[in-house]
Protein backbone atom coordinates (compact mmCIF):
# COMPACT_ATOMS: atom_id res chain seq x y z
CA MET A 1 -22.44 38.05 -54.03
CA LYS A 2 -20.92 35.24 -56.10
CA PRO A 3 -22.17 33.98 -59.46
CA LEU A 4 -23.43 30.40 -59.45
CA THR A 5 -20.68 28.07 -60.58
CA GLN A 6 -20.61 24.36 -61.45
CA HIS A 7 -17.43 22.38 -60.80
CA ILE A 8 -16.61 19.77 -63.45
CA HIS A 9 -13.61 17.81 -64.70
CA GLY A 10 -12.63 18.31 -68.29
CA LYS A 11 -10.11 19.50 -70.82
CA LEU A 12 -10.32 22.62 -72.97
CA PHE A 13 -9.39 22.96 -76.62
CA ARG A 14 -9.35 26.42 -78.20
CA GLU A 15 -8.97 27.37 -81.82
CA GLU A 16 -6.88 30.47 -82.40
CA GLY A 17 -8.25 33.55 -84.10
CA ALA A 18 -11.17 35.92 -83.70
CA ASN A 19 -13.72 33.24 -84.64
CA GLY A 20 -11.99 30.43 -82.75
CA ARG A 21 -14.20 27.87 -81.09
CA THR A 22 -13.86 26.59 -77.55
CA THR A 23 -14.44 22.88 -77.08
CA LEU A 24 -14.81 21.14 -73.73
CA LEU A 25 -14.03 17.45 -73.35
CA LEU A 26 -16.30 16.55 -70.42
CA LEU A 27 -14.59 13.97 -68.22
CA ASN A 28 -16.82 14.15 -65.14
CA PRO A 29 -19.86 16.43 -64.67
CA ASN A 30 -20.05 15.77 -60.91
CA PRO A 31 -16.56 15.36 -59.41
CA ASP A 32 -16.09 14.94 -55.68
CA GLU A 33 -12.82 16.82 -55.41
CA GLU A 34 -10.71 19.39 -57.18
CA THR A 35 -7.90 18.05 -59.36
CA ALA A 36 -5.73 19.24 -62.23
CA ASP A 37 -8.75 18.54 -64.49
CA SER A 38 -11.04 20.90 -62.54
CA LEU A 39 -12.88 23.52 -64.55
CA TYR A 40 -15.83 25.72 -63.64
CA LEU A 41 -18.94 26.45 -65.68
CA ARG A 42 -21.35 29.35 -65.45
CA TYR A 43 -24.59 29.69 -67.36
CA ALA A 44 -26.24 32.94 -68.33
CA PHE A 45 -29.92 33.66 -68.53
CA VAL A 46 -30.82 35.59 -71.67
CA LEU A 47 -32.85 38.76 -71.25
CA LEU A 48 -35.79 39.58 -73.54
CA GLY A 49 -35.01 41.97 -76.36
CA PRO A 50 -31.37 42.40 -77.26
CA GLU A 51 -29.43 39.29 -76.35
CA GLU A 52 -27.98 40.46 -73.04
CA TYR A 53 -26.93 38.03 -70.36
CA ILE A 54 -27.26 37.80 -66.61
CA PHE A 55 -25.14 35.37 -64.63
CA PRO A 56 -27.27 34.65 -61.54
CA ALA A 57 -26.03 34.63 -57.98
CA PHE A 58 -29.43 34.11 -56.32
CA ILE A 59 -33.17 34.50 -56.73
CA LEU A 60 -35.71 35.97 -54.35
CA ASP A 61 -39.12 34.44 -54.97
CA ASP A 62 -42.41 36.24 -54.42
CA TRP A 63 -42.36 35.39 -50.70
CA GLY A 64 -38.79 36.56 -50.09
CA HIS A 65 -37.20 33.09 -50.03
CA GLU A 66 -33.65 33.03 -51.36
CA MET A 67 -32.32 30.32 -53.66
CA ARG A 68 -28.53 30.17 -54.05
CA SER A 69 -27.80 26.93 -55.88
CA LEU A 70 -27.74 25.59 -59.42
CA ASP A 71 -31.33 24.47 -58.75
CA ILE A 72 -32.26 28.04 -59.75
CA TYR A 73 -32.14 27.03 -63.41
CA GLU A 74 -34.67 24.23 -62.94
CA TRP A 75 -36.82 26.48 -60.73
CA VAL A 76 -36.96 29.15 -63.45
CA ARG A 77 -37.76 26.53 -66.07
CA GLU A 78 -40.66 25.15 -64.02
CA ASN A 79 -41.94 28.27 -62.24
CA ALA A 80 -41.15 31.41 -64.23
CA ASP A 81 -44.68 31.74 -65.62
CA HIS A 82 -46.19 31.40 -62.13
CA PHE A 83 -43.79 33.78 -60.35
CA PRO A 84 -42.96 36.60 -62.79
CA ARG A 85 -42.11 39.00 -59.93
CA ALA A 86 -39.33 36.80 -58.58
CA GLU A 87 -36.06 38.73 -58.77
CA ILE A 88 -32.74 37.47 -60.05
CA PHE A 89 -29.60 39.07 -58.66
CA GLY A 90 -26.33 38.56 -60.46
CA TYR A 91 -23.90 40.00 -62.95
CA GLU A 92 -24.07 41.38 -66.46
CA ALA A 93 -21.54 40.06 -68.99
CA ASP A 94 -19.31 43.09 -68.31
CA GLY A 95 -19.14 42.20 -64.60
CA ARG A 96 -21.50 44.85 -63.25
CA GLU A 97 -23.93 43.76 -60.55
CA THR A 98 -27.52 43.75 -61.72
CA GLN A 99 -31.00 42.48 -60.97
CA CYS A 100 -34.06 41.75 -63.03
CA PHE A 101 -37.48 40.19 -62.70
CA VAL A 102 -37.98 36.65 -63.95
CA ARG A 103 -40.58 38.02 -66.38
CA GLY A 104 -37.68 39.74 -68.17
CA LEU A 105 -36.06 36.45 -69.18
CA GLU A 106 -36.21 34.77 -72.57
CA LEU A 107 -37.41 31.33 -71.44
CA ALA A 108 -37.36 29.52 -74.78
CA VAL A 109 -33.61 29.70 -75.42
CA LYS A 110 -30.73 27.50 -74.35
CA LEU A 111 -28.29 28.89 -71.79
CA PRO A 112 -24.99 30.35 -72.98
CA CYS A 113 -22.23 28.44 -71.17
CA TYR A 114 -18.88 29.90 -70.11
CA VAL A 115 -15.86 28.06 -68.74
CA TYR A 116 -13.42 29.32 -66.09
CA LEU A 117 -10.12 27.96 -64.87
CA ASN A 118 -10.79 29.00 -61.25
CA ALA A 119 -13.99 29.12 -59.21
CA ALA A 120 -13.18 32.65 -58.03
CA ASP A 121 -12.66 34.10 -61.53
CA LYS A 122 -14.70 37.17 -62.40
CA VAL A 123 -17.59 36.82 -64.85
CA THR A 124 -15.57 38.70 -67.47
CA GLU A 125 -12.76 36.10 -67.40
CA GLY A 126 -14.90 33.29 -68.83
CA VAL A 127 -14.70 31.85 -72.32
CA ARG A 128 -17.84 30.86 -74.21
CA VAL A 129 -18.12 27.10 -74.78
CA ASN A 130 -19.23 26.15 -78.30
CA ASP A 131 -18.93 22.35 -78.21
CA ILE A 132 -18.99 19.65 -75.55
CA LEU A 133 -17.40 16.30 -76.30
CA LEU A 134 -18.51 13.17 -74.45
CA PRO A 135 -16.00 10.28 -74.36
CA ASP A 136 -17.71 7.09 -75.56
CA SER A 137 -16.09 3.69 -76.13
CA SER A 138 -18.86 2.69 -78.57
CA VAL A 139 -17.90 5.23 -81.27
CA THR A 140 -14.87 5.30 -83.57
CA GLU A 141 -15.31 8.87 -84.84
CA PRO A 142 -17.13 11.99 -83.60
CA VAL A 143 -20.91 11.60 -83.71
CA PRO A 144 -23.39 14.45 -83.11
CA THR A 145 -25.65 13.69 -80.16
CA LYS A 146 -28.01 15.21 -77.64
CA PRO A 147 -27.07 15.81 -74.02
CA PRO A 148 -27.23 12.57 -72.02
CA PRO A 149 -30.46 12.22 -70.01
CA GLU A 150 -28.49 11.65 -66.80
CA LEU A 151 -27.04 15.18 -66.96
CA LYS A 152 -28.86 17.67 -64.78
CA ARG A 153 -29.75 21.20 -65.68
CA PRO A 154 -28.24 23.64 -66.24
CA LEU A 155 -25.56 21.64 -68.12
CA ARG A 156 -28.09 19.74 -70.20
CA SER A 157 -29.66 23.08 -71.21
CA ALA A 158 -26.37 24.63 -72.35
CA ARG A 159 -26.30 26.33 -75.76
CA VAL A 160 -23.60 24.07 -77.20
CA ARG A 161 -23.14 21.45 -79.86
CA TRP A 162 -22.85 17.96 -78.31
CA GLN A 163 -20.74 15.15 -79.77
CA ARG A 164 -19.75 11.67 -78.70
CA VAL A 165 -16.07 11.00 -79.36
CA PRO A 166 -13.76 7.96 -79.09
CA LEU A 167 -12.02 7.54 -75.73
CA GLU A 168 -8.60 8.35 -77.14
């Protein structure tokens, strides 16, 4: 079982210290090949009650059909109320395998986003992303923004602060 992972191109910036922020400069959300700029994102569903996370690997719907792609996030968004018995299999934040019913998810929250240097990294090796920067030739200083409409979920549903920044 492998947690769902999205390959992107970007650069990471990390502030030192216990409260340091992690910022991702997003260069390409849909690259065709791996390069030196390759990074990997994983998104956690938030469980109802205490804010515990599950990093999904796959879902079994009510009829036993498996879904093993990033389309899971859109499926949950559109179908969770209709299929509360669908089961999500994945990992807790501490790396333990787990499963839960879709009815156990907090559906009204954004998805915590974690970045990894390698696709095969364990769930526990990720770093929480706080900010995503979008290079934009039309701005001369950082400008708060919303996620671009052309971005697909789950990236556009990430619990991050978005900013447009100058190209350099």
